[in-house]
């Protein structure tokens, strides 16, 4: 490790609202402190293909409000090989890049950890994923925006549900973590929430819906995380319909709609704070760390700890509320 003169920022894996504010903060903070800054397009793939461009303050003008990532993103199997990593390192040296800021999820962090271990290049990871399932930060970039997107959809769907006495099953992202489903379900007043972290049988779900019908509820919304053990919204709706035909049932899959859109004010500020902190950490000599928000403070976590830390756990009070308030 030598003195840092030039850093590069990239995004990898799934896009998330808030990535652009983070890119902006990295570029402008680096320039403010006298560093040269480059952007790597298409993540690790761009690193291998030398798709690297120098950036200045103007490069990140008018991007705070944009969803997605101006640097694009991609998944790259070649980077997992020694040959791919060597190509990436050679291109970084060719561009005189001394350190990296990578924005993404656990796959991005894994790549940073292996790459920095092999070539001893300083790296800082920024958690960017709508699933909010990374250890070391209370919130990840994109989670707040994605949750708000789901809530807006629920509000609109409820209008139709009540107009037609329908039961809607709304599937949201969350293959391994039910953070979006839980919070959006509570905020949207869902009658039931199906989560990967909680076993809810079809029998129990039917009992809940039957109790609502007995109280003259003429419509309802069930939120289903895509990783729910009953097999997704279509399967849940089909099994409920087989034994409980009080409602006309409909299914809505929100899908990648949840990833897009202008980032919320929370994600704009969080992305800015994390990008700022990432550059400051590199200047201070930090190495192989991730930045995160705990409480209202930005903290650093060893990247190995972030990858192998305790499994993310949904809040107990929210889990209890999801049943009682429904």
C-alpha atoms as a PDB file:
ATOM      1  CA  UNK A   1       0.000   0.000   0.000  1.00  0.00           C
ATOM      2  CA  UNK A   2       1.322   3.425  -0.983  1.00  0.00           C
ATOM      3  CA  UNK A   3      -0.002   6.957  -0.754  1.00  0.00           C
ATOM      4  CA  UNK A   4      -3.390   7.335  -2.439  1.00  0.00           C
ATOM      5  CA  UNK A   5      -3.464   9.784  -5.324  1.00  0.00           C
ATOM      6  CA  UNK A   6      -6.313   8.423  -7.415  1.00  0.00           C
ATOM      7  CA  UNK A   7      -9.425   6.459  -6.489  1.00  0.00           C
ATOM      8  CA  UNK A   8     -12.087   4.746  -8.581  1.00  0.00           C
ATOM      9  CA  UNK A   9     -15.765   4.186  -7.811  1.00  0.00           C
ATOM     10  CA  UNK A  10     -18.033   1.520  -9.305  1.00  0.00           C
ATOM     11  CA  UNK A  11     -21.441  -0.073  -8.811  1.00  0.00           C
ATOM     12  CA  UNK A  12     -22.046  -3.799  -9.031  1.00  0.00           C
ATOM     13  CA  UNK A  13     -24.890  -6.291  -8.755  1.00  0.00           C
ATOM     14  CA  UNK A  14     -28.479  -5.087  -8.643  1.00  0.00           C
ATOM     15  CA  UNK A  15     -29.094  -1.370  -8.979  1.00  0.00           C
ATOM     16  CA  UNK A  16     -30.627   0.558  -6.082  1.00  0.00           C
ATOM     17  CA  UNK A  17     -31.954   4.104  -5.689  1.00  0.00           C
ATOM     18  CA  UNK A  18     -29.309   6.141  -3.880  1.00  0.00           C
ATOM     19  CA  UNK A  19     -26.348   4.828  -5.839  1.00  0.00           C
ATOM     20  CA  UNK A  20     -26.084   8.042  -7.873  1.00  0.00           C
ATOM     21  CA  UNK A  21     -25.991  10.336  -4.815  1.00  0.00           C
ATOM     22  CA  UNK A  22     -23.237   8.071  -3.455  1.00  0.00           C
ATOM     23  CA  UNK A  23     -21.242   8.252  -6.706  1.00  0.00           C
ATOM     24  CA  UNK A  24     -21.610  12.032  -6.650  1.00  0.00           C
ATOM     25  CA  UNK A  25     -20.358  12.231  -3.069  1.00  0.00           C
ATOM     26  CA  UNK A  26     -17.340  10.010  -3.785  1.00  0.00           C
ATOM     27  CA  UNK A  27     -16.312  12.078  -6.807  1.00  0.00           C
ATOM     28  CA  UNK A  28     -16.750  15.488  -5.220  1.00  0.00           C
ATOM     29  CA  UNK A  29     -15.255  14.527  -1.865  1.00  0.00           C
ATOM     30  CA  UNK A  30     -12.233  13.009  -3.564  1.00  0.00           C
ATOM     31  CA  UNK A  31     -11.682  16.100  -5.689  1.00  0.00           C
ATOM     32  CA  UNK A  32     -12.127  18.385  -2.666  1.00  0.00           C
ATOM     33  CA  UNK A  33      -9.294  16.571  -0.898  1.00  0.00           C
ATOM     34  CA  UNK A  34      -6.986  16.754  -3.889  1.00  0.00           C
ATOM     35  CA  UNK A  35      -7.468  13.248  -5.289  1.00  0.00           C
ATOM     36  CA  UNK A  36      -8.048  12.254  -8.876  1.00  0.00           C
ATOM     37  CA  UNK A  37     -11.218  10.226  -9.340  1.00  0.00           C
ATOM     38  CA  UNK A  38     -12.251   7.702 -11.980  1.00  0.00           C
ATOM     39  CA  UNK A  39     -15.493   5.860 -12.627  1.00  0.00           C
ATOM     40  CA  UNK A  40     -15.595   2.205 -13.660  1.00  0.00           C
ATOM     41  CA  UNK A  41     -18.532   1.404 -15.914  1.00  0.00           C
ATOM     42  CA  UNK A  42     -20.376  -1.919 -15.543  1.00  0.00           C
ATOM     43  CA  UNK A  43     -18.729  -2.957 -12.304  1.00  0.00           C
ATOM     44  CA  UNK A  44     -16.170  -5.758 -12.268  1.00  0.00           C
ATOM     45  CA  UNK A  45     -16.838  -6.427 -15.950  1.00  0.00           C
ATOM     46  CA  UNK A  46     -15.737  -2.890 -16.762  1.00  0.00           C
ATOM     47  CA  UNK A  47     -12.666  -3.336 -14.602  1.00  0.00           C
ATOM     48  CA  UNK A  48     -11.661  -6.341 -16.693  1.00  0.00           C
ATOM     49  CA  UNK A  49     -12.480  -4.616 -19.994  1.00  0.00           C
ATOM     50  CA  UNK A  50     -10.767  -1.341 -19.004  1.00  0.00           C
ATOM     51  CA  UNK A  51     -14.038   0.567 -19.241  1.00  0.00           C
ATOM     52  CA  UNK A  52     -12.692   3.276 -16.960  1.00  0.00           C
ATOM     53  CA  UNK A  53     -13.224   7.028 -17.329  1.00  0.00           C
ATOM     54  CA  UNK A  54     -11.828   9.995 -15.427  1.00  0.00           C
ATOM     55  CA  UNK A  55     -14.471  12.014 -13.605  1.00  0.00           C
ATOM     56  CA  UNK A  56     -14.727  15.615 -12.460  1.00  0.00           C
ATOM     57  CA  UNK A  57     -17.334  17.690 -10.635  1.00  0.00           C
ATOM     58  CA  UNK A  58     -19.292  18.201 -13.835  1.00  0.00           C
ATOM     59  CA  UNK A  59     -19.439  14.417 -14.420  1.00  0.00           C
ATOM     60  CA  UNK A  60     -21.822  14.069 -11.480  1.00  0.00           C
ATOM     61  CA  UNK A  61     -23.932  17.197 -11.968  1.00  0.00           C
ATOM     62  CA  UNK A  62     -27.707  16.771 -11.853  1.00  0.00           C
ATOM     63  CA  UNK A  63     -27.728  13.104 -10.841  1.00  0.00           C
ATOM     64  CA  UNK A  64     -28.991  13.282  -7.240  1.00  0.00           C
ATOM     65  CA  UNK A  65     -32.565  12.712  -8.355  1.00  0.00           C
ATOM     66  CA  UNK A  66     -31.853   9.874 -10.774  1.00  0.00           C
ATOM     67  CA  UNK A  67     -32.632   6.254  -9.998  1.00  0.00           C
ATOM     68  CA  UNK A  68     -30.375   3.412 -11.120  1.00  0.00           C
ATOM     69  CA  UNK A  69     -26.672   4.119 -11.574  1.00  0.00           C
ATOM     70  CA  UNK A  70     -24.966   6.352 -14.136  1.00  0.00           C
ATOM     71  CA  UNK A  71     -21.956   4.008 -14.043  1.00  0.00           C
ATOM     72  CA  UNK A  72     -24.171   1.053 -15.055  1.00  0.00           C
ATOM     73  CA  UNK A  73     -23.837  -2.333 -13.424  1.00  0.00           C
ATOM     74  CA  UNK A  74     -23.276  -5.947 -14.403  1.00  0.00           C
ATOM     75  CA  UNK A  75     -22.595  -9.359 -12.931  1.00  0.00           C
ATOM     76  CA  UNK A  76     -19.221 -10.817 -13.869  1.00  0.00           C
ATOM     77  CA  UNK A  77     -18.277 -14.474 -13.493  1.00  0.00           C
ATOM     78  CA  UNK A  78     -14.821 -13.883 -14.985  1.00  0.00           C
ATOM     79  CA  UNK A  79     -13.829 -11.719 -12.027  1.00  0.00           C
ATOM     80  CA  UNK A  80     -14.103 -14.786  -9.805  1.00  0.00           C
ATOM     81  CA  UNK A  81     -11.131 -16.349 -11.624  1.00  0.00           C
ATOM     82  CA  UNK A  82      -7.453 -15.538 -10.962  1.00  0.00           C
ATOM     83  CA  UNK A  83      -7.055 -14.551 -14.614  1.00  0.00           C
ATOM     84  CA  UNK A  84      -9.995 -12.152 -14.433  1.00  0.00           C
ATOM     85  CA  UNK A  85      -8.696 -10.534 -11.270  1.00  0.00           C
ATOM     86  CA  UNK A  86      -5.258 -10.112 -12.834  1.00  0.00           C
ATOM     87  CA  UNK A  87      -6.755  -8.366 -15.862  1.00  0.00           C
ATOM     88  CA  UNK A  88      -8.695  -6.050 -13.554  1.00  0.00           C
ATOM     89  CA  UNK A  89      -5.600  -5.227 -11.489  1.00  0.00           C
ATOM     90  CA  UNK A  90      -3.488  -4.561 -14.577  1.00  0.00           C
ATOM     91  CA  UNK A  91      -6.117  -2.112 -15.838  1.00  0.00           C
ATOM     92  CA  UNK A  92      -6.240  -0.316 -12.499  1.00  0.00           C
ATOM     93  CA  UNK A  93      -2.464   0.089 -12.570  1.00  0.00           C
ATOM     94  CA  UNK A  94      -2.610   1.240 -16.190  1.00  0.00           C
ATOM     95  CA  UNK A  95      -5.020   3.972 -15.078  1.00  0.00           C
ATOM     96  CA  UNK A  96      -2.874   4.752 -11.996  1.00  0.00           C
ATOM     97  CA  UNK A  97      -5.720   3.888  -9.615  1.00  0.00           C
ATOM     98  CA  UNK A  98      -4.603   3.344  -6.016  1.00  0.00           C
ATOM     99  CA  UNK A  99      -7.881   2.509  -4.215  1.00  0.00           C
ATOM    100  CA  UNK A 100     -11.489   1.473  -4.834  1.00  0.00           C
ATOM    101  CA  UNK A 101     -14.963   2.334  -3.561  1.00  0.00           C
ATOM    102  CA  UNK A 102     -17.453  -0.387  -4.495  1.00  0.00           C
ATOM    103  CA  UNK A 103     -21.204   0.138  -4.118  1.00  0.00           C
ATOM    104  CA  UNK A 104     -23.371  -2.991  -4.026  1.00  0.00           C
ATOM    105  CA  UNK A 105     -24.415  -6.043  -2.046  1.00  0.00           C
ATOM    106  CA  UNK A 106     -22.702  -9.097  -0.599  1.00  0.00           C
ATOM    107  CA  UNK A 107     -21.425 -10.212  -4.017  1.00  0.00           C
ATOM    108  CA  UNK A 108     -19.740  -6.840  -4.470  1.00  0.00           C
ATOM    109  CA  UNK A 109     -18.248  -7.046  -0.979  1.00  0.00           C
ATOM    110  CA  UNK A 110     -16.989 -10.582  -1.607  1.00  0.00           C
ATOM    111  CA  UNK A 111     -15.240  -9.424  -4.775  1.00  0.00           C
ATOM    112  CA  UNK A 112     -13.646  -6.482  -2.957  1.00  0.00           C
ATOM    113  CA  UNK A 113     -12.406  -8.691  -0.135  1.00  0.00           C
ATOM    114  CA  UNK A 114     -10.829 -11.289  -2.430  1.00  0.00           C
ATOM    115  CA  UNK A 115      -9.364  -8.676  -4.749  1.00  0.00           C
ATOM    116  CA  UNK A 116      -7.831  -6.591  -1.973  1.00  0.00           C
ATOM    117  CA  UNK A 117      -6.435  -9.697  -0.287  1.00  0.00           C
ATOM    118  CA  UNK A 118      -4.738 -10.794  -3.477  1.00  0.00           C
ATOM    119  CA  UNK A 119      -3.294  -7.443  -4.554  1.00  0.00           C
ATOM    120  CA  UNK A 120      -3.230  -5.431  -1.303  1.00  0.00           C
ATOM    121  CA  UNK A 121      -5.190  -2.540  -2.776  1.00  0.00           C
ATOM    122  CA  UNK A 122      -7.233  -0.391  -0.338  1.00  0.00           C
ATOM    123  CA  UNK A 123     -10.989  -0.883  -0.746  1.00  0.00           C
ATOM    124  CA  UNK A 124     -14.116   0.448   0.934  1.00  0.00           C
ATOM    125  CA  UNK A 125     -17.546  -1.088   0.381  1.00  0.00           C
ATOM    126  CA  UNK A 126     -20.832   0.823   0.443  1.00  0.00           C
ATOM    127  CA  UNK A 127     -24.012  -1.248   1.035  1.00  0.00           C
ATOM    128  CA  UNK A 128     -26.364  -0.694  -1.897  1.00  0.00           C
ATOM    129  CA  UNK A 129     -29.316  -3.091  -2.088  1.00  0.00           C
ATOM    130  CA  UNK A 130     -33.062  -2.632  -1.699  1.00  0.00           C
ATOM    131  CA  UNK A 131     -33.284  -5.797   0.435  1.00  0.00           C
ATOM    132  CA  UNK A 132     -31.669  -4.144   3.495  1.00  0.00           C
ATOM    133  CA  UNK A 133     -30.018  -7.418   4.446  1.00  0.00           C
ATOM    134  CA  UNK A 134     -26.325  -6.557   4.898  1.00  0.00           C
ATOM    135  CA  UNK A 135     -24.614  -6.762   8.259  1.00  0.00           C
ATOM    136  CA  UNK A 136     -22.985  -3.566   9.518  1.00  0.00           C
ATOM    137  CA  UNK A 137     -25.690  -1.048   8.620  1.00  0.00           C
ATOM    138  CA  UNK A 138     -29.218  -0.451   9.878  1.00  0.00           C
ATOM    139  CA  UNK A 139     -30.197   0.694   6.394  1.00  0.00           C
ATOM    140  CA  UNK A 140     -28.814   0.019   2.938  1.00  0.00           C
ATOM    141  CA  UNK A 141     -29.068   2.310  -0.071  1.00  0.00           C
ATOM    142  CA  UNK A 142     -32.374   1.870  -1.879  1.00  0.00           C
ATOM    143  CA  UNK A 143     -34.382   0.203   0.875  1.00  0.00           C
ATOM    144  CA  UNK A 144     -36.320   3.317   1.874  1.00  0.00           C
ATOM    145  CA  UNK A 145     -37.189   4.213  -1.720  1.00  0.00           C
ATOM    146  CA  UNK A 146     -38.222   0.650  -2.576  1.00  0.00           C
ATOM    147  CA  UNK A 147     -40.453   0.447   0.493  1.00  0.00           C
ATOM    148  CA  UNK A 148     -42.131   3.726  -0.390  1.00  0.00           C
ATOM    149  CA  UNK A 149     -42.700   2.439  -3.931  1.00  0.00           C
ATOM    150  CA  UNK A 150     -44.426  -0.650  -2.569  1.00  0.00           C
ATOM    151  CA  UNK A 151     -46.584   1.410  -0.204  1.00  0.00           C
ATOM    152  CA  UNK A 152     -47.716   3.627  -3.074  1.00  0.00           C
ATOM    153  CA  UNK A 153     -48.671   0.522  -5.049  1.00  0.00           C
ATOM    154  CA  UNK A 154     -50.567  -0.950  -2.088  1.00  0.00           C
ATOM    155  CA  UNK A 155     -52.550   2.277  -1.669  1.00  0.00           C
ATOM    156  CA  UNK A 156     -53.596   2.187  -5.326  1.00  0.00           C
ATOM    157  CA  UNK A 157     -54.409  -1.526  -5.268  1.00  0.00           C
ATOM    158  CA  UNK A 158     -56.594  -1.059  -2.178  1.00  0.00           C
ATOM    159  CA  UNK A 159     -58.824   1.357  -4.100  1.00  0.00           C
ATOM    160  CA  UNK A 160     -59.627  -1.399  -6.594  1.00  0.00           C
ATOM    161  CA  UNK A 161     -59.848  -4.079  -3.901  1.00  0.00           C
ATOM    162  CA  UNK A 162     -62.502  -2.144  -1.993  1.00  0.00           C
ATOM    163  CA  UNK A 163     -64.408  -1.202  -5.137  1.00  0.00           C
ATOM    164  CA  UNK A 164     -64.792  -4.824  -6.240  1.00  0.00           C
ATOM    165  CA  UNK A 165     -64.697  -6.816  -2.960  1.00  0.00           C
ATOM    166  CA  UNK A 166     -61.450  -8.440  -4.037  1.00  0.00           C
ATOM    167  CA  UNK A 167     -58.601 -10.082  -2.189  1.00  0.00           C
ATOM    168  CA  UNK A 168     -55.238  -9.066  -3.632  1.00  0.00           C
ATOM    169  CA  UNK A 169     -52.005 -10.992  -3.149  1.00  0.00           C
ATOM    170  CA  UNK A 170     -49.131  -8.568  -3.741  1.00  0.00           C
ATOM    171  CA  UNK A 171     -45.680 -10.102  -4.204  1.00  0.00           C
ATOM    172  CA  UNK A 172     -42.670  -7.945  -3.320  1.00  0.00           C
ATOM    173  CA  UNK A 173     -38.939  -8.519  -3.567  1.00  0.00           C
ATOM    174  CA  UNK A 174     -37.212 -10.337  -0.743  1.00  0.00           C
ATOM    175  CA  UNK A 175     -35.826 -13.744  -1.648  1.00  0.00           C
ATOM    176  CA  UNK A 176     -34.004 -14.190   1.659  1.00  0.00           C
ATOM    177  CA  UNK A 177     -35.111 -11.171   3.694  1.00  0.00           C
ATOM    178  CA  UNK A 178     -38.611  -9.878   4.362  1.00  0.00           C
ATOM    179  CA  UNK A 179     -37.664  -6.292   5.262  1.00  0.00           C
ATOM    180  CA  UNK A 180     -39.623  -4.681   2.417  1.00  0.00           C
ATOM    181  CA  UNK A 181     -42.645  -6.932   2.910  1.00  0.00           C
ATOM    182  CA  UNK A 182     -42.801  -6.367   6.665  1.00  0.00           C
ATOM    183  CA  UNK A 183     -42.511  -2.572   6.663  1.00  0.00           C
ATOM    184  CA  UNK A 184     -44.629  -1.996   3.580  1.00  0.00           C
ATOM    185  CA  UNK A 185     -47.263  -4.397   4.892  1.00  0.00           C
ATOM    186  CA  UNK A 186     -47.545  -2.548   8.192  1.00  0.00           C
ATOM    187  CA  UNK A 187     -47.501   0.894   6.560  1.00  0.00           C
ATOM    188  CA  UNK A 188     -50.037  -0.188   3.941  1.00  0.00           C
ATOM    189  CA  UNK A 189     -52.414  -1.849   6.413  1.00  0.00           C
ATOM    190  CA  UNK A 190     -52.145  -5.331   4.913  1.00  0.00           C
ATOM    191  CA  UNK A 191     -54.422  -8.018   6.337  1.00  0.00           C
ATOM    192  CA  UNK A 192     -51.532 -10.512   6.370  1.00  0.00           C
ATOM    193  CA  UNK A 193     -47.804 -10.578   5.585  1.00  0.00           C
ATOM    194  CA  UNK A 194     -45.948 -13.673   4.384  1.00  0.00           C
ATOM    195  CA  UNK A 195     -42.213 -13.617   5.163  1.00  0.00           C
ATOM    196  CA  UNK A 196     -39.193 -15.892   4.531  1.00  0.00           C
ATOM    197  CA  UNK A 197     -38.268 -15.526   8.221  1.00  0.00           C
ATOM    198  CA  UNK A 198     -41.652 -16.676   9.503  1.00  0.00           C
ATOM    199  CA  UNK A 199     -43.508 -19.893   8.742  1.00  0.00           C
ATOM    200  CA  UNK A 200     -47.117 -18.980   8.006  1.00  0.00           C
ATOM    201  CA  UNK A 201     -49.193 -21.935   6.887  1.00  0.00           C
ATOM    202  CA  UNK A 202     -51.982 -21.572   4.359  1.00  0.00           C
ATOM    203  CA  UNK A 203     -54.309 -22.843   7.075  1.00  0.00           C
ATOM    204  CA  UNK A 204     -53.303 -19.976   9.377  1.00  0.00           C
ATOM    205  CA  UNK A 205     -53.646 -17.455   6.572  1.00  0.00           C
ATOM    206  CA  UNK A 206     -57.149 -18.698   5.753  1.00  0.00           C
ATOM    207  CA  UNK A 207     -58.099 -18.446   9.432  1.00  0.00           C
ATOM    208  CA  UNK A 208     -56.936 -14.830   9.478  1.00  0.00           C
ATOM    209  CA  UNK A 209     -58.894 -13.976   6.348  1.00  0.00           C
ATOM    210  CA  UNK A 210     -61.975 -15.804   7.618  1.00  0.00           C
ATOM    211  CA  UNK A 211     -61.856 -13.801  10.846  1.00  0.00           C
ATOM    212  CA  UNK A 212     -61.815 -10.608   8.791  1.00  0.00           C
ATOM    213  CA  UNK A 213     -64.706 -11.765   6.648  1.00  0.00           C
ATOM    214  CA  UNK A 214     -66.712 -12.552   9.789  1.00  0.00           C
ATOM    215  CA  UNK A 215     -66.317  -8.890  10.738  1.00  0.00           C
ATOM    216  CA  UNK A 216     -67.738  -7.840   7.363  1.00  0.00           C
ATOM    217  CA  UNK A 217     -64.425  -7.007   5.686  1.00  0.00           C
ATOM    218  CA  UNK A 218     -65.282  -6.891   2.003  1.00  0.00           C
ATOM    219  CA  UNK A 219     -61.722  -6.734   0.645  1.00  0.00           C
ATOM    220  CA  UNK A 220     -58.161  -7.414   1.664  1.00  0.00           C
ATOM    221  CA  UNK A 221     -54.489  -7.277   0.764  1.00  0.00           C
ATOM    222  CA  UNK A 222     -51.934  -9.962   1.560  1.00  0.00           C
ATOM    223  CA  UNK A 223     -48.259  -9.076   1.122  1.00  0.00           C
ATOM    224  CA  UNK A 224     -46.086 -12.002   0.034  1.00  0.00           C
ATOM    225  CA  UNK A 225     -42.287 -11.767  -0.002  1.00  0.00           C
ATOM    226  CA  UNK A 226     -40.937 -13.643  -3.025  1.00  0.00           C
ATOM    227  CA  UNK A 227     -38.928 -15.906  -0.704  1.00  0.00           C
ATOM    228  CA  UNK A 228     -41.924 -17.004   1.361  1.00  0.00           C
ATOM    229  CA  UNK A 229     -41.797 -20.754   1.884  1.00  0.00           C
ATOM    230  CA  UNK A 230     -45.284 -21.283   0.417  1.00  0.00           C
ATOM    231  CA  UNK A 231     -43.969 -20.597  -3.077  1.00  0.00           C
ATOM    232  CA  UNK A 232     -44.827 -17.029  -4.013  1.00  0.00           C
ATOM    233  CA  UNK A 233     -48.012 -15.033  -4.478  1.00  0.00           C
ATOM    234  CA  UNK A 234     -49.514 -17.086  -7.316  1.00  0.00           C
ATOM    235  CA  UNK A 235     -49.195 -20.332  -5.388  1.00  0.00           C
ATOM    236  CA  UNK A 236     -50.496 -18.797  -2.153  1.00  0.00           C
ATOM    237  CA  UNK A 237     -53.498 -17.275  -3.975  1.00  0.00           C
ATOM    238  CA  UNK A 238     -54.287 -20.568  -5.692  1.00  0.00           C
ATOM    239  CA  UNK A 239     -54.238 -22.552  -2.456  1.00  0.00           C
ATOM    240  CA  UNK A 240     -56.337 -19.985  -0.615  1.00  0.00           C
ATOM    241  CA  UNK A 241     -58.888 -19.901  -3.437  1.00  0.00           C
ATOM    242  CA  UNK A 242     -59.294 -23.679  -3.306  1.00  0.00           C
ATOM    243  CA  UNK A 243     -60.776 -23.593   0.183  1.00  0.00           C
ATOM    244  CA  UNK A 244     -61.849 -20.001   0.681  1.00  0.00           C
ATOM    245  CA  UNK A 245     -63.870 -18.463  -2.120  1.00  0.00           C
ATOM    246  CA  UNK A 246     -65.500 -15.564  -0.289  1.00  0.00           C
ATOM    247  CA  UNK A 247     -63.418 -13.084  -2.281  1.00  0.00           C
ATOM    248  CA  UNK A 248     -62.560 -12.688  -5.929  1.00  0.00           C
ATOM    249  CA  UNK A 249     -58.764 -13.171  -5.746  1.00  0.00           C
ATOM    250  CA  UNK A 250     -56.161 -11.298  -7.791  1.00  0.00           C
ATOM    251  CA  UNK A 251     -52.357 -11.378  -7.878  1.00  0.00           C
ATOM    252  CA  UNK A 252     -49.978  -8.469  -8.487  1.00  0.00           C
ATOM    253  CA  UNK A 253     -46.236  -9.022  -8.884  1.00  0.00           C
ATOM    254  CA  UNK A 254     -44.426  -5.711  -8.369  1.00  0.00           C
ATOM    255  CA  UNK A 255     -41.052  -7.105  -9.478  1.00  0.00           C
ATOM    256  CA  UNK A 256     -38.343  -4.731 -10.677  1.00  0.00           C
ATOM    257  CA  UNK A 257     -40.666  -1.766 -10.344  1.00  0.00           C
ATOM    258  CA  UNK A 258     -39.323  -1.679  -6.783  1.00  0.00           C
ATOM    259  CA  UNK A 259     -35.743  -1.033  -7.894  1.00  0.00           C
ATOM    260  CA  UNK A 260     -36.472   2.003 -10.009  1.00  0.00           C
ATOM    261  CA  UNK A 261     -37.551   5.555  -9.445  1.00  0.00           C
ATOM    262  CA  UNK A 262     -36.096   8.716  -8.011  1.00  0.00           C
ATOM    263  CA  UNK A 263     -34.418   8.077  -4.636  1.00  0.00           C
ATOM    264  CA  UNK A 264     -36.192   9.351  -1.536  1.00  0.00           C
ATOM    265  CA  UNK A 265     -34.679  12.182   0.483  1.00  0.00           C
ATOM    266  CA  UNK A 266     -33.505   9.565   2.996  1.00  0.00           C
ATOM    267  CA  UNK A 267     -31.634   7.593   0.328  1.00  0.00           C
ATOM    268  CA  UNK A 268     -30.159  10.759  -1.190  1.00  0.00           C
ATOM    269  CA  UNK A 269     -28.765  11.819   2.171  1.00  0.00           C
ATOM    270  CA  UNK A 270     -27.677   8.293   3.108  1.00  0.00           C
ATOM    271  CA  UNK A 271     -25.883   7.841  -0.224  1.00  0.00           C
ATOM    272  CA  UNK A 272     -24.169  11.201   0.195  1.00  0.00           C
ATOM    273  CA  UNK A 273     -23.081  10.412   3.760  1.00  0.00           C
ATOM    274  CA  UNK A 274     -21.774   6.987   2.836  1.00  0.00           C
ATOM    275  CA  UNK A 275     -19.865   8.208  -0.235  1.00  0.00           C
ATOM    276  CA  UNK A 276     -18.331  11.046   1.775  1.00  0.00           C
ATOM    277  CA  UNK A 277     -17.365   8.650   4.579  1.00  0.00           C
ATOM    278  CA  UNK A 278     -15.879   6.106   2.153  1.00  0.00           C
ATOM    279  CA  UNK A 279     -13.418   8.650   0.722  1.00  0.00           C
ATOM    280  CA  UNK A 280     -12.557  10.006   4.169  1.00  0.00           C
ATOM    281  CA  UNK A 281     -11.855   6.440   5.330  1.00  0.00           C
ATOM    282  CA  UNK A 282      -9.437   5.818   2.455  1.00  0.00           C
ATOM    283  CA  UNK A 283      -7.627   9.094   3.137  1.00  0.00           C
ATOM    284  CA  UNK A 284      -7.332   8.107   6.808  1.00  0.00           C
ATOM    285  CA  UNK A 285      -5.650   4.843   5.797  1.00  0.00           C
ATOM    286  CA  UNK A 286      -8.593   2.501   6.400  1.00  0.00           C
ATOM    287  CA  UNK A 287      -8.461  -0.694   4.390  1.00  0.00           C
ATOM    288  CA  UNK A 288     -10.967  -3.449   3.631  1.00  0.00           C
ATOM    289  CA  UNK A 289     -13.875  -1.832   5.449  1.00  0.00           C
ATOM    290  CA  UNK A 290     -17.537  -1.152   4.753  1.00  0.00           C
ATOM    291  CA  UNK A 291     -19.412   1.990   5.719  1.00  0.00           C
ATOM    292  CA  UNK A 292     -22.789   1.761   7.414  1.00  0.00           C
ATOM    293  CA  UNK A 293     -25.405   3.651   9.373  1.00  0.00           C
ATOM    294  CA  UNK A 294     -26.054   2.627  12.968  1.00  0.00           C
ATOM    295  CA  UNK A 295     -28.447   4.818  14.872  1.00  0.00           C
ATOM    296  CA  UNK A 296     -27.686   8.114  13.197  1.00  0.00           C
ATOM    297  CA  UNK A 297     -23.928   7.669  12.978  1.00  0.00           C
ATOM    298  CA  UNK A 298     -21.763   6.438  10.131  1.00  0.00           C
ATOM    299  CA  UNK A 299     -19.570   3.539  11.244  1.00  0.00           C
ATOM    300  CA  UNK A 300     -16.942   1.295   9.670  1.00  0.00           C
ATOM    301  CA  UNK A 301     -17.060  -2.498   9.746  1.00  0.00           C
ATOM    302  CA  UNK A 302     -14.332  -4.915   8.658  1.00  0.00           C
ATOM    303  CA  UNK A 303     -15.397  -6.283   5.301  1.00  0.00           C
ATOM    304  CA  UNK A 304     -14.889  -9.882   6.468  1.00  0.00           C
ATOM    305  CA  UNK A 305     -17.133  -9.195   9.453  1.00  0.00           C
ATOM    306  CA  UNK A 306     -19.732  -7.592   7.182  1.00  0.00           C
ATOM    307  CA  UNK A 307     -19.764 -10.747   5.049  1.00  0.00           C
ATOM    308  CA  UNK A 308     -19.773 -13.214   7.933  1.00  0.00           C
ATOM    309  CA  UNK A 309     -21.597 -11.231  10.626  1.00  0.00           C
ATOM    310  CA  UNK A 310     -24.750 -12.226  12.400  1.00  0.00           C
ATOM    311  CA  UNK A 311     -27.704 -13.047  10.220  1.00  0.00           C
ATOM    312  CA  UNK A 312     -29.987 -10.063   9.713  1.00  0.00           C
ATOM    313  CA  UNK A 313     -32.979 -10.283  12.028  1.00  0.00           C
ATOM    314  CA  UNK A 314     -36.311  -8.556  11.608  1.00  0.00           C
ATOM    315  CA  UNK A 315     -37.403  -6.406  14.535  1.00  0.00           C
ATOM    316  CA  UNK A 316     -39.452  -8.329  17.101  1.00  0.00           C
ATOM    317  CA  UNK A 317     -41.863  -5.443  17.705  1.00  0.00           C
ATOM    318  CA  UNK A 318     -42.617  -5.116  14.006  1.00  0.00           C
ATOM    319  CA  UNK A 319     -43.214  -8.850  13.719  1.00  0.00           C
ATOM    320  CA  UNK A 320     -45.703  -8.691  16.599  1.00  0.00           C
ATOM    321  CA  UNK A 321     -47.319  -5.512  15.265  1.00  0.00           C
ATOM    322  CA  UNK A 322     -47.866  -7.048  11.850  1.00  0.00           C
ATOM    323  CA  UNK A 323     -50.402  -9.437  13.374  1.00  0.00           C
ATOM    324  CA  UNK A 324     -51.973  -7.246  16.048  1.00  0.00           C
ATOM    325  CA  UNK A 325     -52.523  -4.134  13.913  1.00  0.00           C
ATOM    326  CA  UNK A 326     -53.955  -6.110  11.009  1.00  0.00           C
END
